[in-house]
PDB file of N, CA and C in Angstrom:
ATOM      1  N   MET A   1       0.838  -1.168   0.000  1.00  0.00           N
ATOM      2  CA  MET A   1       0.000   0.000   0.000  1.00  0.00           C
ATOM      3  C   MET A   1       0.884   1.232   0.000  1.00  0.00           C
ATOM      4  N   ALA A   2       0.509   2.141  -0.787  1.00  0.00           N
ATOM      5  CA  ALA A   2       1.274   3.375  -0.895  1.00  0.00           C
ATOM      6  C   ALA A   2       0.776   4.356   0.168  1.00  0.00           C
ATOM      7  N   LYS A   3       1.725   5.033   0.728  1.00  0.00           N
ATOM      8  CA  LYS A   3       1.347   6.040   1.724  1.00  0.00           C
ATOM      9  C   LYS A   3       0.785   7.252   1.015  1.00  0.00           C
ATOM     10  N   GLN A   4      -0.287   7.766   1.554  1.00  0.00           N
ATOM     11  CA  GLN A   4      -0.843   8.998   0.998  1.00  0.00           C
ATOM     12  C   GLN A   4      -0.493  10.130   1.945  1.00  0.00           C
ATOM     13  N   LEU A   5       0.292  11.026   1.465  1.00  0.00           N
ATOM     14  CA  LEU A   5       0.686  12.170   2.269  1.00  0.00           C
ATOM     15  C   LEU A   5      -0.297  13.303   2.028  1.00  0.00           C
ATOM     16  N   SER A   6      -0.748  13.860   3.103  1.00  0.00           N
ATOM     17  CA  SER A   6      -1.638  15.008   2.938  1.00  0.00           C
ATOM     18  C   SER A   6      -0.798  16.217   2.563  1.00  0.00           C
ATOM     19  N   ARG A   7      -1.190  16.867   1.519  1.00  0.00           N
ATOM     20  CA  ARG A   7      -0.430  18.015   1.040  1.00  0.00           C
ATOM     21  C   ARG A   7      -0.977  19.264   1.707  1.00  0.00           C
ATOM     22  N   ILE A   8      -0.154  19.883   2.501  1.00  0.00           N
ATOM     23  CA  ILE A   8      -0.500  21.146   3.138  1.00  0.00           C
ATOM     24  C   ILE A   8       0.079  22.239   2.266  1.00  0.00           C
ATOM     25  N   PRO A   9      -0.768  23.160   1.817  1.00  0.00           N
ATOM     26  CA  PRO A   9      -0.233  24.209   0.959  1.00  0.00           C
ATOM     27  C   PRO A   9       0.803  25.045   1.708  1.00  0.00           C
ATOM     28  N   ALA A  10       1.949  25.181   1.085  1.00  0.00           N
ATOM     29  CA  ALA A  10       3.027  25.955   1.700  1.00  0.00           C
ATOM     30  C   ALA A  10       2.722  27.440   1.575  1.00  0.00           C
ATOM     31  N   GLN A  11       2.993  28.164   2.641  1.00  0.00           N
ATOM     32  CA  GLN A  11       2.785  29.606   2.591  1.00  0.00           C
ATOM     33  C   GLN A  11       3.880  30.227   1.748  1.00  0.00           C
ATOM     34  N   LYS A  12       3.480  31.194   0.966  1.00  0.00           N
ATOM     35  CA  LYS A  12       4.458  31.886   0.143  1.00  0.00           C
ATOM     36  C   LYS A  12       5.352  32.725   1.036  1.00  0.00           C
ATOM     37  N   LYS A  13       6.629  32.682   0.744  1.00  0.00           N
ATOM     38  CA  LYS A  13       7.553  33.540   1.476  1.00  0.00           C
ATOM     39  C   LYS A  13       7.502  34.919   0.874  1.00  0.00           C
ATOM     40  N   LEU A  14       7.114  35.877   1.662  1.00  0.00           N
ATOM     41  CA  LEU A  14       7.047  37.248   1.194  1.00  0.00           C
ATOM     42  C   LEU A  14       8.416  37.893   1.320  1.00  0.00           C
ATOM     43  N   PRO A  15       8.723  38.801   0.432  1.00  0.00           N
ATOM     44  CA  PRO A  15       9.964  39.557   0.608  1.00  0.00           C
ATOM     45  C   PRO A  15       9.948  40.287   1.937  1.00  0.00           C
ATOM     46  N   ARG A  16      11.118  40.565   2.437  1.00  0.00           N
ATOM     47  CA  ARG A  16      11.245  41.171   3.757  1.00  0.00           C
ATOM     48  C   ARG A  16      10.449  42.477   3.876  1.00  0.00           C
ATOM     49  N   THR A  17      10.338  43.232   2.817  1.00  0.00           N
ATOM     50  CA  THR A  17       9.632  44.515   2.885  1.00  0.00           C
ATOM     51  C   THR A  17       8.128  44.343   2.917  1.00  0.00           C
ATOM     52  N   GLN A  18       7.612  43.175   2.478  1.00  0.00           N
ATOM     53  CA  GLN A  18       6.166  42.986   2.421  1.00  0.00           C
ATOM     54  C   GLN A  18       5.614  42.140   3.568  1.00  0.00           C
ATOM     55  N   ARG A  19       6.453  41.683   4.449  1.00  0.00           N
ATOM     56  CA  ARG A  19       5.972  40.868   5.563  1.00  0.00           C
ATOM     57  C   ARG A  19       5.162  41.735   6.513  1.00  0.00           C
ATOM     58  N   PRO A  20       4.018  41.209   6.994  1.00  0.00           N
ATOM     59  CA  PRO A  20       3.216  41.997   7.933  1.00  0.00           C
ATOM     60  C   PRO A  20       3.885  42.041   9.308  1.00  0.00           C
ATOM     61  N   PHE A  21       3.551  43.057  10.065  1.00  0.00           N
ATOM     62  CA  PHE A  21       4.078  43.165  11.420  1.00  0.00           C
ATOM     63  C   PHE A  21       3.451  42.085  12.292  1.00  0.00           C
ATOM     64  N   LEU A  22       4.179  41.701  13.312  1.00  0.00           N
ATOM     65  CA  LEU A  22       3.687  40.666  14.207  1.00  0.00           C
ATOM     66  C   LEU A  22       2.535  41.192  15.064  1.00  0.00           C
ATOM     67  N   PHE A  23       2.636  42.453  15.481  1.00  0.00           N
ATOM     68  CA  PHE A  23       1.624  43.057  16.336  1.00  0.00           C
ATOM     69  C   PHE A  23       0.937  44.208  15.623  1.00  0.00           C
ATOM     70  N   ASP A  24      -0.188  44.580  16.167  1.00  0.00           N
ATOM     71  CA  ASP A  24      -0.977  45.709  15.669  1.00  0.00           C
ATOM     72  C   ASP A  24      -0.483  47.000  16.326  1.00  0.00           C
ATOM     73  N   ARG A  25      -0.942  48.119  15.825  1.00  0.00           N
ATOM     74  CA  ARG A  25      -0.553  49.409  16.408  1.00  0.00           C
ATOM     75  C   ARG A  25      -0.997  49.508  17.861  1.00  0.00           C
ATOM     76  N   THR A  26      -2.189  48.994  18.170  1.00  0.00           N
ATOM     77  CA  THR A  26      -2.672  49.056  19.555  1.00  0.00           C
ATOM     78  C   THR A  26      -1.785  48.231  20.484  1.00  0.00           C
ATOM     79  N   ASN A  27      -1.278  47.098  19.985  1.00  0.00           N
ATOM     80  CA  ASN A  27      -0.374  46.281  20.801  1.00  0.00           C
ATOM     81  C   ASN A  27       0.874  47.069  21.161  1.00  0.00           C
ATOM     82  N   TYR A  28       1.437  47.766  20.185  1.00  0.00           N
ATOM     83  CA  TYR A  28       2.639  48.554  20.443  1.00  0.00           C
ATOM     84  C   TYR A  28       2.357  49.712  21.404  1.00  0.00           C
ATOM     85  N   MET A  29       1.191  50.309  21.295  1.00  0.00           N
ATOM     86  CA  MET A  29       0.838  51.398  22.218  1.00  0.00           C
ATOM     87  C   MET A  29       0.690  50.865  23.641  1.00  0.00           C
ATOM     88  N   ILE A  30       0.059  49.707  23.789  1.00  0.00           N
ATOM     89  CA  ILE A  30      -0.092  49.109  25.122  1.00  0.00           C
ATOM     90  C   ILE A  30       1.277  48.726  25.678  1.00  0.00           C
ATOM     91  N   MET A  31       2.177  48.225  24.811  1.00  0.00           N
ATOM     92  CA  MET A  31       3.533  47.903  25.267  1.00  0.00           C
ATOM     93  C   MET A  31       4.267  49.145  25.736  1.00  0.00           C
ATOM     94  N   LEU A  32       4.079  50.247  25.033  1.00  0.00           N
ATOM     95  CA  LEU A  32       4.708  51.507  25.436  1.00  0.00           C
ATOM     96  C   LEU A  32       4.178  51.976  26.785  1.00  0.00           C
ATOM     97  N   ILE A  33       2.875  51.853  26.991  1.00  0.00           N
ATOM     98  CA  ILE A  33       2.270  52.220  28.276  1.00  0.00           C
ATOM     99  C   ILE A  33       2.833  51.332  29.389  1.00  0.00           C
ATOM    100  N   GLY A  34       2.944  50.029  29.134  1.00  0.00           N
ATOM    101  CA  GLY A  34       3.509  49.114  30.125  1.00  0.00           C
ATOM    102  C   GLY A  34       4.949  49.461  30.457  1.00  0.00           C
ATOM    103  N   LEU A  35       5.728  49.850  29.450  1.00  0.00           N
ATOM    104  CA  LEU A  35       7.113  50.244  29.681  1.00  0.00           C
ATOM    105  C   LEU A  35       7.194  51.502  30.541  1.00  0.00           C
ATOM    106  N   VAL A  36       6.315  52.462  30.275  1.00  0.00           N
ATOM    107  CA  VAL A  36       6.303  53.695  31.073  1.00  0.00           C
ATOM    108  C   VAL A  36       5.929  53.394  32.519  1.00  0.00           C
ATOM    109  N   VAL A  37       4.931  52.539  32.728  1.00  0.00           N
ATOM    110  CA  VAL A  37       4.530  52.169  34.092  1.00  0.00           C
ATOM    111  C   VAL A  37       5.677  51.452  34.796  1.00  0.00           C
ATOM    112  N   PHE A  38       6.377  50.578  34.084  1.00  0.00           N
ATOM    113  CA  PHE A  38       7.518  49.865  34.655  1.00  0.00           C
ATOM    114  C   PHE A  38       8.615  50.842  35.071  1.00  0.00           C
ATOM    115  N   ILE A  39       8.925  51.806  34.223  1.00  0.00           N
ATOM    116  CA  ILE A  39       9.957  52.803  34.539  1.00  0.00           C
ATOM    117  C   ILE A  39       9.538  53.671  35.721  1.00  0.00           C
ATOM    118  N   ILE A  40       8.253  54.016  35.805  1.00  0.00           N
ATOM    119  CA  ILE A  40       7.770  54.782  36.962  1.00  0.00           C
ATOM    120  C   ILE A  40       7.993  53.983  38.244  1.00  0.00           C
ATOM    121  N   GLY A  41       7.743  52.671  38.197  1.00  0.00           N
ATOM    122  CA  GLY A  41       7.986  51.822  39.369  1.00  0.00           C
ATOM    123  C   GLY A  41       9.447  51.808  39.774  1.00  0.00           C
ATOM    124  N   LEU A  42      10.337  51.765  38.785  1.00  0.00           N
ATOM    125  CA  LEU A  42      11.759  51.802  39.113  1.00  0.00           C
ATOM    126  C   LEU A  42      12.157  53.155  39.697  1.00  0.00           C
ATOM    127  N   LEU A  43      11.591  54.225  39.175  1.00  0.00           N
ATOM    128  CA  LEU A  43      11.904  55.556  39.707  1.00  0.00           C
ATOM    129  C   LEU A  43      11.374  55.735  41.130  1.00  0.00           C
ATOM    130  N   LEU A  44      10.246  55.084  41.440  1.00  0.00           N
ATOM    131  CA  LEU A  44       9.730  55.147  42.808  1.00  0.00           C
ATOM    132  C   LEU A  44      10.663  54.433  43.783  1.00  0.00           C
ATOM    133  N   MET A  45      11.412  53.471  43.301  1.00  0.00           N
ATOM    134  CA  MET A  45      12.297  52.702  44.162  1.00  0.00           C
ATOM    135  C   MET A  45      13.643  53.386  44.393  1.00  0.00           C
ATOM    136  N   VAL A  46      13.967  54.362  43.566  1.00  0.00           N
ATOM    137  CA  VAL A  46      15.265  55.030  43.664  1.00  0.00           C
ATOM    138  C   VAL A  46      15.374  55.739  45.012  1.00  0.00           C
ATOM    139  N   GLY A  47      16.541  55.629  45.616  1.00  0.00           N
ATOM    140  CA  GLY A  47      16.767  56.238  46.920  1.00  0.00           C
ATOM    141  C   GLY A  47      17.489  57.559  46.815  1.00  0.00           C
ATOM    142  N   GLY A  48      17.338  58.359  47.839  1.00  0.00           N
ATOM    143  CA  GLY A  48      18.034  59.634  47.895  1.00  0.00           C
ATOM    144  C   GLY A  48      19.403  59.483  48.530  1.00  0.00           C
ATOM    145  N   LYS A  49      20.244  60.423  48.261  1.00  0.00           N
ATOM    146  CA  LYS A  49      21.589  60.397  48.821  1.00  0.00           C
ATOM    147  C   LYS A  49      21.540  60.883  50.271  1.00  0.00           C
ATOM    148  N   SER A  50      22.215  60.161  51.118  1.00  0.00           N
ATOM    149  CA  SER A  50      22.267  60.530  52.524  1.00  0.00           C
ATOM    150  C   SER A  50      23.286  61.656  52.711  1.00  0.00           C
ATOM    151  N   PRO A  51      22.947  62.664  53.517  1.00  0.00           N
ATOM    152  CA  PRO A  51      23.906  63.746  53.735  1.00  0.00           C
ATOM    153  C   PRO A  51      25.158  63.278  54.467  1.00  0.00           C
ATOM    154  N   ASP A  52      25.002  62.280  55.321  1.00  0.00           N
ATOM    155  CA  ASP A  52      26.145  61.746  56.067  1.00  0.00           C
ATOM    156  C   ASP A  52      26.262  60.257  55.763  1.00  0.00           C
ATOM    157  N   PRO A  53      27.329  59.808  55.084  1.00  0.00           N
ATOM    158  CA  PRO A  53      27.439  58.393  54.734  1.00  0.00           C
ATOM    159  C   PRO A  53      27.609  57.477  55.942  1.00  0.00           C
ATOM    160  N   ASN A  54      27.921  58.020  57.095  1.00  0.00           N
ATOM    161  CA  ASN A  54      28.084  57.205  58.296  1.00  0.00           C
ATOM    162  C   ASN A  54      26.778  57.002  59.048  1.00  0.00           C
ATOM    163  N   GLN A  55      25.720  57.667  58.643  1.00  0.00           N
ATOM    164  CA  GLN A  55      24.406  57.548  59.287  1.00  0.00           C
ATOM    165  C   GLN A  55      23.495  56.657  58.454  1.00  0.00           C
ATOM    166  N   PHE A  56      22.681  55.870  59.127  1.00  0.00           N
ATOM    167  CA  PHE A  56      21.700  55.023  58.462  1.00  0.00           C
ATOM    168  C   PHE A  56      20.312  55.519  58.836  1.00  0.00           C
ATOM    169  N   TYR A  57      19.492  55.810  57.833  1.00  0.00           N
ATOM    170  CA  TYR A  57      18.141  56.310  58.050  1.00  0.00           C
ATOM    171  C   TYR A  57      17.131  55.247  57.596  1.00  0.00           C
ATOM    172  N   PRO A  58      16.698  54.387  58.516  1.00  0.00           N
ATOM    173  CA  PRO A  58      15.783  53.303  58.114  1.00  0.00           C
ATOM    174  C   PRO A  58      14.421  53.817  57.644  1.00  0.00           C
ATOM    175  N   GLN A  59      13.977  54.979  58.141  1.00  0.00           N
ATOM    176  CA  GLN A  59      12.675  55.501  57.716  1.00  0.00           C
ATOM    177  C   GLN A  59      12.682  55.877  56.237  1.00  0.00           C
ATOM    178  N   GLU A  60      13.846  56.197  55.670  1.00  0.00           N
ATOM    179  CA  GLU A  60      13.927  56.496  54.243  1.00  0.00           C
ATOM    180  C   GLU A  60      14.064  55.220  53.422  1.00  0.00           C
ATOM    181  N   ILE A  61      14.868  54.300  53.886  1.00  0.00           N
ATOM    182  CA  ILE A  61      15.111  53.067  53.138  1.00  0.00           C
ATOM    183  C   ILE A  61      13.884  52.162  53.146  1.00  0.00           C
ATOM    184  N   TYR A  62      13.259  52.013  54.299  1.00  0.00           N
ATOM    185  CA  TYR A  62      12.125  51.100  54.443  1.00  0.00           C
ATOM    186  C   TYR A  62      10.796  51.838  54.415  1.00  0.00           C
ATOM    187  N   SER A  63      10.667  52.799  53.557  1.00  0.00           N
ATOM    188  CA  SER A  63       9.418  53.545  53.466  1.00  0.00           C
ATOM    189  C   SER A  63       8.388  52.758  52.654  1.00  0.00           C
ATOM    190  N   PHE A  64       7.135  53.152  52.791  1.00  0.00           N
ATOM    191  CA  PHE A  64       6.031  52.518  52.058  1.00  0.00           C
ATOM    192  C   PHE A  64       6.248  52.606  50.551  1.00  0.00           C
ATOM    193  N   ARG A  65       6.769  53.729  50.103  1.00  0.00           N
ATOM    194  CA  ARG A  65       6.964  53.963  48.675  1.00  0.00           C
ATOM    195  C   ARG A  65       7.941  52.956  48.081  1.00  0.00           C
ATOM    196  N   ARG A  66       9.048  52.691  48.773  1.00  0.00           N
ATOM    197  CA  ARG A  66      10.089  51.810  48.231  1.00  0.00           C
ATOM    198  C   ARG A  66       9.813  50.337  48.461  1.00  0.00           C
ATOM    199  N   ILE A  67       9.199  50.005  49.565  1.00  0.00           N
ATOM    200  CA  ILE A  67       9.009  48.597  49.915  1.00  0.00           C
ATOM    201  C   ILE A  67       7.706  48.031  49.360  1.00  0.00           C
ATOM    202  N   THR A  68       6.658  48.840  49.260  1.00  0.00           N
ATOM    203  CA  THR A  68       5.353  48.324  48.852  1.00  0.00           C
ATOM    204  C   THR A  68       4.898  48.881  47.507  1.00  0.00           C
ATOM    205  N   LEU A  69       4.871  50.185  47.381  1.00  0.00           N
ATOM    206  CA  LEU A  69       4.285  50.808  46.193  1.00  0.00           C
ATOM    207  C   LEU A  69       5.099  50.526  44.930  1.00  0.00           C
ATOM    208  N   ALA A  70       6.401  50.692  44.984  1.00  0.00           N
ATOM    209  CA  ALA A  70       7.243  50.513  43.797  1.00  0.00           C
ATOM    210  C   ALA A  70       7.174  49.088  43.236  1.00  0.00           C
ATOM    211  N   PRO A  71       7.285  48.043  44.048  1.00  0.00           N
ATOM    212  CA  PRO A  71       7.160  46.697  43.473  1.00  0.00           C
ATOM    213  C   PRO A  71       5.787  46.412  42.874  1.00  0.00           C
ATOM    214  N   ILE A  72       4.733  46.960  43.472  1.00  0.00           N
ATOM    215  CA  ILE A  72       3.393  46.777  42.912  1.00  0.00           C
ATOM    216  C   ILE A  72       3.294  47.452  41.554  1.00  0.00           C
ATOM    217  N   VAL A  73       3.846  48.650  41.419  1.00  0.00           N
ATOM    218  CA  VAL A  73       3.807  49.364  40.141  1.00  0.00           C
ATOM    219  C   VAL A  73       4.645  48.632  39.096  1.00  0.00           C
ATOM    220  N   ILE A  74       5.780  48.083  39.485  1.00  0.00           N
ATOM    221  CA  ILE A  74       6.620  47.322  38.551  1.00  0.00           C
ATOM    222  C   ILE A  74       5.888  46.075  38.061  1.00  0.00           C
ATOM    223  N   ILE A  75       5.248  45.354  38.967  1.00  0.00           N
ATOM    224  CA  ILE A  75       4.495  44.159  38.575  1.00  0.00           C
ATOM    225  C   ILE A  75       3.320  44.538  37.682  1.00  0.00           C
ATOM    226  N   LEU A  76       2.673  45.662  37.966  1.00  0.00           N
ATOM    227  CA  LEU A  76       1.585  46.138  37.110  1.00  0.00           C
ATOM    228  C   LEU A  76       2.096  46.426  35.701  1.00  0.00           C
ATOM    229  N   GLY A  77       3.277  47.029  35.585  1.00  0.00           N
ATOM    230  CA  GLY A  77       3.867  47.279  34.273  1.00  0.00           C
ATOM    231  C   GLY A  77       4.151  45.989  33.531  1.00  0.00           C
ATOM    232  N   LEU A  78       4.642  44.969  34.240  1.00  0.00           N
ATOM    233  CA  LEU A  78       4.907  43.679  33.606  1.00  0.00           C
ATOM    234  C   LEU A  78       3.614  42.995  33.167  1.00  0.00           C
ATOM    235  N   VAL A  79       2.555  43.122  33.961  1.00  0.00           N
ATOM    236  CA  VAL A  79       1.263  42.546  33.584  1.00  0.00           C
ATOM    237  C   VAL A  79       0.728  43.229  32.328  1.00  0.00           C
ATOM    238  N   ILE A  80       0.883  44.541  32.244  1.00  0.00           N
ATOM    239  CA  ILE A  80       0.455  45.276  31.051  1.00  0.00           C
ATOM    240  C   ILE A  80       1.243  44.805  29.832  1.00  0.00           C
ATOM    241  N   GLU A  81       2.541  44.563  29.996  1.00  0.00           N
ATOM    242  CA  GLU A  81       3.366  44.070  28.891  1.00  0.00           C
ATOM    243  C   GLU A  81       2.885  42.690  28.420  1.00  0.00           C
ATOM    244  N   VAL A  82       2.600  41.796  29.359  1.00  0.00           N
ATOM    245  CA  VAL A  82       2.121  40.461  28.994  1.00  0.00           C
ATOM    246  C   VAL A  82       0.776  40.567  28.285  1.00  0.00           C
ATOM    247  N   PHE A  83      -0.100  41.436  28.764  1.00  0.00           N
ATOM    248  CA  PHE A  83      -1.395  41.639  28.115  1.00  0.00           C
ATOM    249  C   PHE A  83      -1.202  42.146  26.686  1.00  0.00           C
ATOM    250  N   ALA A  84      -0.275  43.071  26.492  1.00  0.00           N
ATOM    251  CA  ALA A  84      -0.035  43.618  25.154  1.00  0.00           C
ATOM    252  C   ALA A  84       0.490  42.544  24.208  1.00  0.00           C
ATOM    253  N   ILE A  85       1.312  41.646  24.711  1.00  0.00           N
ATOM    254  CA  ILE A  85       1.840  40.578  23.863  1.00  0.00           C
ATOM    255  C   ILE A  85       0.755  39.552  23.537  1.00  0.00           C
ATOM    256  N   MET A  86      -0.092  39.244  24.510  1.00  0.00           N
ATOM    257  CA  MET A  86      -1.112  38.219  24.312  1.00  0.00           C
ATOM    258  C   MET A  86      -2.350  38.719  23.571  1.00  0.00           C
ATOM    259  N   LYS A  87      -2.535  40.026  23.503  1.00  0.00           N
ATOM    260  CA  LYS A  87      -3.728  40.594  22.852  1.00  0.00           C
ATOM    261  C   LYS A  87      -3.699  40.257  21.368  1.00  0.00           C
ATOM    262  N   LYS A  88      -4.819  39.779  20.888  1.00  0.00           N
ATOM    263  CA  LYS A  88      -4.914  39.388  19.489  1.00  0.00           C
ATOM    264  C   LYS A  88      -4.996  40.639  18.625  1.00  0.00           C
ATOM    265  N   PRO A  89      -4.247  40.683  17.529  1.00  0.00           N
ATOM    266  CA  PRO A  89      -4.354  41.840  16.626  1.00  0.00           C
ATOM    267  C   PRO A  89      -5.749  41.933  16.037  1.00  0.00           C
ATOM    268  N   SER A  90      -6.093  43.106  15.542  1.00  0.00           N
ATOM    269  CA  SER A  90      -7.420  43.300  14.962  1.00  0.00           C
ATOM    270  C   SER A  90      -7.630  42.372  13.772  1.00  0.00           C
ATOM    271  N   GLY A  91      -8.850  42.065  13.470  1.00  0.00           N
ATOM    272  CA  GLY A  91      -9.188  41.081  12.433  1.00  0.00           C
ATOM    273  C   GLY A  91      -8.703  41.435  11.047  1.00  0.00           C
ATOM    274  N   SER A  92      -8.593  42.689  10.719  1.00  0.00           N
ATOM    275  CA  SER A  92      -8.208  43.064   9.363  1.00  0.00           C
ATOM    276  C   SER A  92      -6.785  42.635   9.038  1.00  0.00           C
ATOM    277  N   GLN A  93      -5.862  42.760   9.973  1.00  0.00           N
ATOM    278  CA  GLN A  93      -4.481  42.380   9.705  1.00  0.00           C
ATOM    279  C   GLN A  93      -4.271  40.874   9.804  1.00  0.00           C
ATOM    280  N   SER A  94      -4.894  40.235  10.772  1.00  0.00           N
ATOM    281  CA  SER A  94      -4.641  38.818  10.986  1.00  0.00           C
ATOM    282  C   SER A  94      -5.249  37.968   9.860  1.00  0.00           C
ATOM    283  N   GLU A  95      -6.292  38.443   9.186  1.00  0.00           N
ATOM    284  CA  GLU A  95      -6.899  37.683   8.110  1.00  0.00           C
ATOM    285  C   GLU A  95      -6.108  37.770   6.826  1.00  0.00           C
ATOM    286  N   LYS A  96      -5.283  38.811   6.684  1.00  0.00           N
ATOM    287  CA  LYS A  96      -4.501  38.975   5.471  1.00  0.00           C
ATOM    288  C   LYS A  96      -3.354  37.985   5.383  1.00  0.00           C
ATOM    289  N   VAL A  97      -2.907  37.508   6.538  1.00  0.00           N
ATOM    290  CA  VAL A  97      -1.749  36.601   6.570  1.00  0.00           C
ATOM    291  C   VAL A  97      -2.141  35.266   6.137  1.00  0.00           C
TER     292      VAL A  97
END
């Protein structure tokens, strides 16, 4: 018995200039928003310079802003990034491929 191979039509390779983008414009905008939120979280974590290097100020180091708020904002930025990557592009672009 001869094997019957199912023929799957091969996709045409488009020239590099005609290949569609992987993401939609909205995906890139959401990624940009996520990046900005992530950077804001990192800036919230940045510490100030102590006037005296021999003194330790625990109220500045262990403040609510650095210990709680900044990590939450960073995680929120990462969640926004994951959402932007997982979001399906609009139907008009995805159907053309």
